[in-house]
């Protein structure tokens, strides 16, 4: 996992599930958006935008066990 900014991450690999939480005990973190994609010549090329079925209604990111994947994820706090 690579942190791109305050609430934005790149997650790469296969066969993993990633959940998020905040440092502050009075806040929670959810997945605002998640995009599958790839890099070409150092540039991010977005693919399919994932919806609530793929992010478990914004609770986690899952990379399937049978293939390498990259997802760009933005979080929100509530």
PDB file of N, CA and C in Angstrom:
ATOM      1  N   UNK A   1       0.857  -1.170   0.000  1.00  0.00           N
ATOM      2  CA  UNK A   1       0.000   0.000   0.000  1.00  0.00           C
ATOM      3  C   UNK A   1       0.898   1.226   0.000  1.00  0.00           C
ATOM      4  N   UNK A   2       0.515   2.209  -0.808  1.00  0.00           N
ATOM      5  CA  UNK A   2       1.265   3.446  -0.950  1.00  0.00           C
ATOM      6  C   UNK A   2       0.308   4.604  -0.711  1.00  0.00           C
ATOM      7  N   UNK A   3       0.672   5.475   0.219  1.00  0.00           N
ATOM      8  CA  UNK A   3      -0.161   6.640   0.509  1.00  0.00           C
ATOM      9  C   UNK A   3       0.169   7.749  -0.484  1.00  0.00           C
ATOM     10  N   UNK A   4      -0.852   8.210  -1.211  1.00  0.00           N
ATOM     11  CA  UNK A   4      -0.675   9.258  -2.208  1.00  0.00           C
ATOM     12  C   UNK A   4      -0.981  10.641  -1.663  1.00  0.00           C
ATOM     13  N   UNK A   5      -1.803  10.702  -0.638  1.00  0.00           N
ATOM     14  CA  UNK A   5      -2.225  11.979  -0.064  1.00  0.00           C
ATOM     15  C   UNK A   5      -2.962  11.727   1.231  1.00  0.00           C
ATOM     16  N   UNK A   6      -3.610  12.758   1.726  1.00  0.00           N
ATOM     17  CA  UNK A   6      -4.313  12.692   3.009  1.00  0.00           C
ATOM     18  C   UNK A   6      -5.218  11.468   3.127  1.00  0.00           C
ATOM     19  N   UNK A   7      -6.067  11.252   2.154  1.00  0.00           N
ATOM     20  CA  UNK A   7      -7.021  10.142   2.203  1.00  0.00           C
ATOM     21  C   UNK A   7      -7.029   9.337   0.910  1.00  0.00           C
ATOM     22  N   UNK A   8      -5.879   9.227   0.248  1.00  0.00           N
ATOM     23  CA  UNK A   8      -5.815   8.520  -1.021  1.00  0.00           C
ATOM     24  C   UNK A   8      -4.645   7.539  -1.019  1.00  0.00           C
ATOM     25  N   UNK A   9      -4.918   6.319  -1.530  1.00  0.00           N
ATOM     26  CA  UNK A   9      -3.936   5.240  -1.480  1.00  0.00           C
ATOM     27  C   UNK A   9      -3.935   4.448  -2.782  1.00  0.00           C
ATOM     28  N   UNK A  10      -2.792   3.843  -3.082  1.00  0.00           N
ATOM     29  CA  UNK A  10      -2.679   2.811  -4.107  1.00  0.00           C
ATOM     30  C   UNK A  10      -2.470   1.495  -3.377  1.00  0.00           C
ATOM     31  N   UNK A  11      -3.241   0.504  -3.744  1.00  0.00           N
ATOM     32  CA  UNK A  11      -3.120  -0.817  -3.138  1.00  0.00           C
ATOM     33  C   UNK A  11      -2.830  -1.794  -4.259  1.00  0.00           C
ATOM     34  N   UNK A  12      -1.761  -2.577  -4.107  1.00  0.00           N
ATOM     35  CA  UNK A  12      -1.365  -3.516  -5.156  1.00  0.00           C
ATOM     36  C   UNK A  12      -1.048  -4.865  -4.534  1.00  0.00           C
ATOM     37  N   UNK A  13      -1.344  -5.919  -5.273  1.00  0.00           N
ATOM     38  CA  UNK A  13      -1.037  -7.266  -4.813  1.00  0.00           C
ATOM     39  C   UNK A  13      -2.089  -8.242  -5.286  1.00  0.00           C
ATOM     40  N   UNK A  14      -2.161  -9.368  -4.580  1.00  0.00           N
ATOM     41  CA  UNK A  14      -3.216 -10.336  -4.864  1.00  0.00           C
ATOM     42  C   UNK A  14      -3.525 -11.112  -3.590  1.00  0.00           C
ATOM     43  N   UNK A  15      -4.780 -11.483  -3.463  1.00  0.00           N
ATOM     44  CA  UNK A  15      -5.217 -12.276  -2.324  1.00  0.00           C
ATOM     45  C   UNK A  15      -5.199 -11.545  -1.000  1.00  0.00           C
ATOM     46  N   UNK A  16      -5.526 -10.241  -0.993  1.00  0.00           N
ATOM     47  CA  UNK A  16      -5.541  -9.497   0.269  1.00  0.00           C
ATOM     48  C   UNK A  16      -6.858  -8.749   0.446  1.00  0.00           C
ATOM     49  N   UNK A  17      -7.180  -8.470   1.696  1.00  0.00           N
ATOM     50  CA  UNK A  17      -8.311  -7.630   2.062  1.00  0.00           C
ATOM     51  C   UNK A  17      -7.757  -6.520   2.944  1.00  0.00           C
ATOM     52  N   UNK A  18      -8.088  -5.270   2.614  1.00  0.00           N
ATOM     53  CA  UNK A  18      -7.587  -4.120   3.357  1.00  0.00           C
ATOM     54  C   UNK A  18      -8.770  -3.369   3.952  1.00  0.00           C
ATOM     55  N   UNK A  19      -8.713  -3.133   5.262  1.00  0.00           N
ATOM     56  CA  UNK A  19      -9.705  -2.301   5.936  1.00  0.00           C
ATOM     57  C   UNK A  19      -8.994  -1.058   6.463  1.00  0.00           C
ATOM     58  N   UNK A  20      -9.745  -0.021   6.742  1.00  0.00           N
ATOM     59  CA  UNK A  20      -9.178   1.258   7.180  1.00  0.00           C
ATOM     60  C   UNK A  20      -9.831   1.690   8.477  1.00  0.00           C
ATOM     61  N   UNK A  21      -9.039   2.395   9.292  1.00  0.00           N
ATOM     62  CA  UNK A  21      -9.583   3.035  10.477  1.00  0.00           C
ATOM     63  C   UNK A  21      -8.809   4.318  10.721  1.00  0.00           C
ATOM     64  N   UNK A  22      -9.400   5.230  11.449  1.00  0.00           N
ATOM     65  CA  UNK A  22      -8.748   6.502  11.736  1.00  0.00           C
ATOM     66  C   UNK A  22      -7.982   6.405  13.044  1.00  0.00           C
ATOM     67  N   UNK A  23      -7.074   7.331  13.231  1.00  0.00           N
ATOM     68  CA  UNK A  23      -6.329   7.407  14.484  1.00  0.00           C
ATOM     69  C   UNK A  23      -7.236   7.950  15.589  1.00  0.00           C
ATOM     70  N   UNK A  24      -8.085   8.899  15.216  1.00  0.00           N
ATOM     71  CA  UNK A  24      -9.021   9.493  16.182  1.00  0.00           C
ATOM     72  C   UNK A  24     -10.119   8.487  16.513  1.00  0.00           C
ATOM     73  N   UNK A  25     -10.374   8.286  17.766  1.00  0.00           N
ATOM     74  CA  UNK A  25     -11.375   7.314  18.194  1.00  0.00           C
ATOM     75  C   UNK A  25     -12.805   7.719  17.909  1.00  0.00           C
ATOM     76  N   UNK A  26     -13.042   9.008  17.651  1.00  0.00           N
ATOM     77  CA  UNK A  26     -14.413   9.475  17.424  1.00  0.00           C
ATOM     78  C   UNK A  26     -14.787   9.537  15.944  1.00  0.00           C
ATOM     79  N   UNK A  27     -13.914   9.066  15.058  1.00  0.00           N
ATOM     80  CA  UNK A  27     -14.191   9.050  13.625  1.00  0.00           C
ATOM     81  C   UNK A  27     -14.035   7.635  13.073  1.00  0.00           C
ATOM     82  N   UNK A  28     -14.677   7.411  11.942  1.00  0.00           N
ATOM     83  CA  UNK A  28     -14.516   6.157  11.198  1.00  0.00           C
ATOM     84  C   UNK A  28     -14.110   6.491   9.777  1.00  0.00           C
ATOM     85  N   UNK A  29     -13.560   5.513   9.076  1.00  0.00           N
ATOM     86  CA  UNK A  29     -13.150   5.705   7.684  1.00  0.00           C
ATOM     87  C   UNK A  29     -13.929   4.760   6.794  1.00  0.00           C
ATOM     88  N   UNK A  30     -14.349   5.254   5.648  1.00  0.00           N
ATOM     89  CA  UNK A  30     -15.034   4.446   4.654  1.00  0.00           C
ATOM     90  C   UNK A  30     -14.431   4.673   3.288  1.00  0.00           C
ATOM     91  N   UNK A  31     -14.707   3.774   2.367  1.00  0.00           N
ATOM     92  CA  UNK A  31     -14.203   3.882   0.998  1.00  0.00           C
ATOM     93  C   UNK A  31     -15.147   4.781   0.202  1.00  0.00           C
ATOM     94  N   UNK A  32     -14.651   5.942  -0.191  1.00  0.00           N
ATOM     95  CA  UNK A  32     -15.437   6.873  -1.009  1.00  0.00           C
ATOM     96  C   UNK A  32     -15.456   6.421  -2.463  1.00  0.00           C
ATOM     97  N   UNK A  33     -14.274   6.053  -2.978  1.00  0.00           N
ATOM     98  CA  UNK A  33     -14.191   5.560  -4.353  1.00  0.00           C
ATOM     99  C   UNK A  33     -13.025   4.592  -4.470  1.00  0.00           C
ATOM    100  N   UNK A  34     -13.169   3.654  -5.380  1.00  0.00           N
ATOM    101  CA  UNK A  34     -12.116   2.679  -5.661  1.00  0.00           C
ATOM    102  C   UNK A  34     -12.116   2.404  -7.156  1.00  0.00           C
ATOM    103  N   UNK A  35     -10.944   2.500  -7.748  1.00  0.00           N
ATOM    104  CA  UNK A  35     -10.784   2.269  -9.181  1.00  0.00           C
ATOM    105  C   UNK A  35      -9.753   1.189  -9.406  1.00  0.00           C
ATOM    106  N   UNK A  36     -10.063   0.220 -10.233  1.00  0.00           N
ATOM    107  CA  UNK A  36      -9.044  -0.682 -10.743  1.00  0.00           C
ATOM    108  C   UNK A  36      -8.286   0.084 -11.814  1.00  0.00           C
ATOM    109  N   UNK A  37      -7.046  -0.272 -12.034  1.00  0.00           N
ATOM    110  CA  UNK A  37      -6.294   0.420 -13.065  1.00  0.00           C
ATOM    111  C   UNK A  37      -4.919  -0.187 -13.257  1.00  0.00           C
ATOM    112  N   UNK A  38      -4.102   0.540 -13.978  1.00  0.00           N
ATOM    113  CA  UNK A  38      -2.743   0.080 -14.261  1.00  0.00           C
ATOM    114  C   UNK A  38      -1.872   1.298 -14.529  1.00  0.00           C
ATOM    115  N   UNK A  39      -0.578   1.086 -14.574  1.00  0.00           N
ATOM    116  CA  UNK A  39       0.369   2.133 -14.912  1.00  0.00           C
ATOM    117  C   UNK A  39       0.975   1.846 -16.274  1.00  0.00           C
ATOM    118  N   UNK A  40       1.058   2.885 -17.087  1.00  0.00           N
ATOM    119  CA  UNK A  40       1.741   2.811 -18.382  1.00  0.00           C
ATOM    120  C   UNK A  40       2.676   4.000 -18.461  1.00  0.00           C
ATOM    121  N   UNK A  41       3.951   3.721 -18.653  1.00  0.00           N
ATOM    122  CA  UNK A  41       4.978   4.774 -18.737  1.00  0.00           C
ATOM    123  C   UNK A  41       4.908   5.708 -17.533  1.00  0.00           C
ATOM    124  N   UNK A  42       4.659   5.146 -16.349  1.00  0.00           N
ATOM    125  CA  UNK A  42       4.611   5.928 -15.124  1.00  0.00           C
ATOM    126  C   UNK A  42       3.339   6.720 -14.913  1.00  0.00           C
ATOM    127  N   UNK A  43       2.336   6.531 -15.759  1.00  0.00           N
ATOM    128  CA  UNK A  43       1.075   7.274 -15.668  1.00  0.00           C
ATOM    129  C   UNK A  43      -0.065   6.329 -15.292  1.00  0.00           C
ATOM    130  N   UNK A  44      -0.894   6.735 -14.326  1.00  0.00           N
ATOM    131  CA  UNK A  44      -2.047   5.950 -13.879  1.00  0.00           C
ATOM    132  C   UNK A  44      -3.128   5.961 -14.957  1.00  0.00           C
ATOM    133  N   UNK A  45      -3.571   4.771 -15.356  1.00  0.00           N
ATOM    134  CA  UNK A  45      -4.649   4.610 -16.327  1.00  0.00           C
ATOM    135  C   UNK A  45      -5.813   3.953 -15.597  1.00  0.00           C
ATOM    136  N   UNK A  46      -6.871   4.721 -15.284  1.00  0.00           N
ATOM    137  CA  UNK A  46      -7.992   4.121 -14.574  1.00  0.00           C
ATOM    138  C   UNK A  46      -8.762   3.151 -15.453  1.00  0.00           C
ATOM    139  N   UNK A  47      -9.287   2.125 -14.808  1.00  0.00           N
ATOM    140  CA  UNK A  47     -10.118   1.148 -15.494  1.00  0.00           C
ATOM    141  C   UNK A  47     -11.534   1.222 -14.959  1.00  0.00           C
ATOM    142  N   UNK A  48     -11.966   0.141 -14.387  1.00  0.00           N
ATOM    143  CA  UNK A  48     -13.336   0.021 -13.879  1.00  0.00           C
ATOM    144  C   UNK A  48     -13.467   0.656 -12.496  1.00  0.00           C
ATOM    145  N   UNK A  49     -14.524   1.470 -12.314  1.00  0.00           N
ATOM    146  CA  UNK A  49     -14.835   2.001 -10.985  1.00  0.00           C
ATOM    147  C   UNK A  49     -15.616   0.941 -10.227  1.00  0.00           C
ATOM    148  N   UNK A  50     -15.172   0.653  -9.016  1.00  0.00           N
ATOM    149  CA  UNK A  50     -15.824  -0.370  -8.205  1.00  0.00           C
ATOM    150  C   UNK A  50     -16.980   0.244  -7.431  1.00  0.00           C
ATOM    151  N   UNK A  51     -18.031  -0.542  -7.225  1.00  0.00           N
ATOM    152  CA  UNK A  51     -19.189  -0.040  -6.491  1.00  0.00           C
ATOM    153  C   UNK A  51     -19.295  -0.732  -5.133  1.00  0.00           C
ATOM    154  N   UNK A  52     -20.409  -0.548  -4.473  1.00  0.00           N
ATOM    155  CA  UNK A  52     -20.614  -1.097  -3.133  1.00  0.00           C
ATOM    156  C   UNK A  52     -20.533  -2.608  -3.050  1.00  0.00           C
ATOM    157  N   UNK A  53     -20.888  -3.309  -4.120  1.00  0.00           N
ATOM    158  CA  UNK A  53     -20.761  -4.771  -4.107  1.00  0.00           C
ATOM    159  C   UNK A  53     -19.299  -5.192  -3.992  1.00  0.00           C
ATOM    160  N   UNK A  54     -18.407  -4.469  -4.676  1.00  0.00           N
ATOM    161  CA  UNK A  54     -16.988  -4.827  -4.655  1.00  0.00           C
ATOM    162  C   UNK A  54     -16.266  -4.305  -3.406  1.00  0.00           C
ATOM    163  N   UNK A  55     -16.768  -3.228  -2.789  1.00  0.00           N
ATOM    164  CA  UNK A  55     -16.109  -2.659  -1.602  1.00  0.00           C
ATOM    165  C   UNK A  55     -16.851  -2.981  -0.300  1.00  0.00           C
ATOM    166  N   UNK A  56     -17.782  -3.927  -0.370  1.00  0.00           N
ATOM    167  CA  UNK A  56     -18.582  -4.309   0.803  1.00  0.00           C
ATOM    168  C   UNK A  56     -19.219  -3.074   1.430  1.00  0.00           C
ATOM    169  N   UNK A  57     -19.895  -2.304   0.606  1.00  0.00           N
ATOM    170  CA  UNK A  57     -20.556  -1.051   0.973  1.00  0.00           C
ATOM    171  C   UNK A  57     -19.578  -0.058   1.612  1.00  0.00           C
ATOM    172  N   UNK A  58     -18.361  -0.002   1.070  1.00  0.00           N
ATOM    173  CA  UNK A  58     -17.369   0.969   1.520  1.00  0.00           C
ATOM    174  C   UNK A  58     -16.585   0.565   2.753  1.00  0.00           C
ATOM    175  N   UNK A  59     -16.623  -0.725   3.115  1.00  0.00           N
ATOM    176  CA  UNK A  59     -15.939  -1.170   4.333  1.00  0.00           C
ATOM    177  C   UNK A  59     -14.552  -1.749   4.098  1.00  0.00           C
ATOM    178  N   UNK A  60     -14.269  -2.279   2.908  1.00  0.00           N
ATOM    179  CA  UNK A  60     -12.932  -2.823   2.661  1.00  0.00           C
ATOM    180  C   UNK A  60     -12.615  -2.918   1.170  1.00  0.00           C
ATOM    181  N   UNK A  61     -11.337  -3.119   0.895  1.00  0.00           N
ATOM    182  CA  UNK A  61     -10.844  -3.330  -0.466  1.00  0.00           C
ATOM    183  C   UNK A  61     -10.374  -4.773  -0.545  1.00  0.00           C
ATOM    184  N   UNK A  62     -10.751  -5.455  -1.608  1.00  0.00           N
ATOM    185  CA  UNK A  62     -10.365  -6.856  -1.790  1.00  0.00           C
ATOM    186  C   UNK A  62      -9.681  -7.019  -3.135  1.00  0.00           C
ATOM    187  N   UNK A  63      -8.499  -7.624  -3.099  1.00  0.00           N
ATOM    188  CA  UNK A  63      -7.799  -7.991  -4.332  1.00  0.00           C
ATOM    189  C   UNK A  63      -7.881  -9.499  -4.463  1.00  0.00           C
ATOM    190  N   UNK A  64      -8.401 -10.007  -5.576  1.00  0.00           N
ATOM    191  CA  UNK A  64      -8.638 -11.439  -5.728  1.00  0.00           C
ATOM    192  C   UNK A  64      -7.351 -12.262  -5.635  1.00  0.00           C
ATOM    193  N   UNK A  65      -7.468 -13.512  -5.206  1.00  0.00           N
ATOM    194  CA  UNK A  65      -6.277 -14.352  -5.014  1.00  0.00           C
ATOM    195  C   UNK A  65      -5.663 -14.875  -6.303  1.00  0.00           C
ATOM    196  N   UNK A  66      -6.398 -14.840  -7.402  1.00  0.00           N
ATOM    197  CA  UNK A  66      -5.918 -15.483  -8.624  1.00  0.00           C
ATOM    198  C   UNK A  66      -5.212 -14.564  -9.614  1.00  0.00           C
ATOM    199  N   UNK A  67      -5.170 -13.243  -9.332  1.00  0.00           N
ATOM    200  CA  UNK A  67      -4.489 -12.345 -10.255  1.00  0.00           C
ATOM    201  C   UNK A  67      -3.996 -11.100  -9.523  1.00  0.00           C
ATOM    202  N   UNK A  68      -2.881 -10.548 -10.005  1.00  0.00           N
ATOM    203  CA  UNK A  68      -2.324  -9.320  -9.448  1.00  0.00           C
ATOM    204  C   UNK A  68      -3.222  -8.158  -9.837  1.00  0.00           C
ATOM    205  N   UNK A  69      -3.467  -7.250  -8.909  1.00  0.00           N
ATOM    206  CA  UNK A  69      -4.303  -6.097  -9.198  1.00  0.00           C
ATOM    207  C   UNK A  69      -3.796  -4.848  -8.526  1.00  0.00           C
ATOM    208  N   UNK A  70      -4.235  -3.692  -9.045  1.00  0.00           N
ATOM    209  CA  UNK A  70      -3.918  -2.385  -8.482  1.00  0.00           C
ATOM    210  C   UNK A  70      -5.217  -1.609  -8.377  1.00  0.00           C
ATOM    211  N   UNK A  71      -5.449  -0.995  -7.207  1.00  0.00           N
ATOM    212  CA  UNK A  71      -6.627  -0.156  -7.016  1.00  0.00           C
ATOM    213  C   UNK A  71      -6.211   1.172  -6.415  1.00  0.00           C
ATOM    214  N   UNK A  72      -6.825   2.228  -6.913  1.00  0.00           N
ATOM    215  CA  UNK A  72      -6.614   3.575  -6.365  1.00  0.00           C
ATOM    216  C   UNK A  72      -7.844   3.882  -5.519  1.00  0.00           C
ATOM    217  N   UNK A  73      -7.612   4.183  -4.250  1.00  0.00           N
ATOM    218  CA  UNK A  73      -8.702   4.286  -3.276  1.00  0.00           C
ATOM    219  C   UNK A  73      -8.697   5.661  -2.625  1.00  0.00           C
ATOM    220  N   UNK A  74      -9.873   6.248  -2.518  1.00  0.00           N
ATOM    221  CA  UNK A  74     -10.053   7.503  -1.764  1.00  0.00           C
ATOM    222  C   UNK A  74     -10.991   7.203  -0.607  1.00  0.00           C
ATOM    223  N   UNK A  75     -10.640   7.707   0.564  1.00  0.00           N
ATOM    224  CA  UNK A  75     -11.431   7.472   1.772  1.00  0.00           C
ATOM    225  C   UNK A  75     -12.207   8.725   2.180  1.00  0.00           C
ATOM    226  N   UNK A  76     -13.200   8.528   3.014  1.00  0.00           N
ATOM    227  CA  UNK A  76     -13.903   9.629   3.655  1.00  0.00           C
ATOM    228  C   UNK A  76     -14.012   9.303   5.135  1.00  0.00           C
ATOM    229  N   UNK A  77     -14.260  10.306   5.929  1.00  0.00           N
ATOM    230  CA  UNK A  77     -14.400  10.125   7.383  1.00  0.00           C
ATOM    231  C   UNK A  77     -15.822  10.492   7.804  1.00  0.00           C
ATOM    232  N   UNK A  78     -16.298   9.742   8.780  1.00  0.00           N
ATOM    233  CA  UNK A  78     -17.637  10.040   9.302  1.00  0.00           C
ATOM    234  C   UNK A  78     -17.686   9.769  10.775  1.00  0.00           C
TER     235      UNK A  78
END
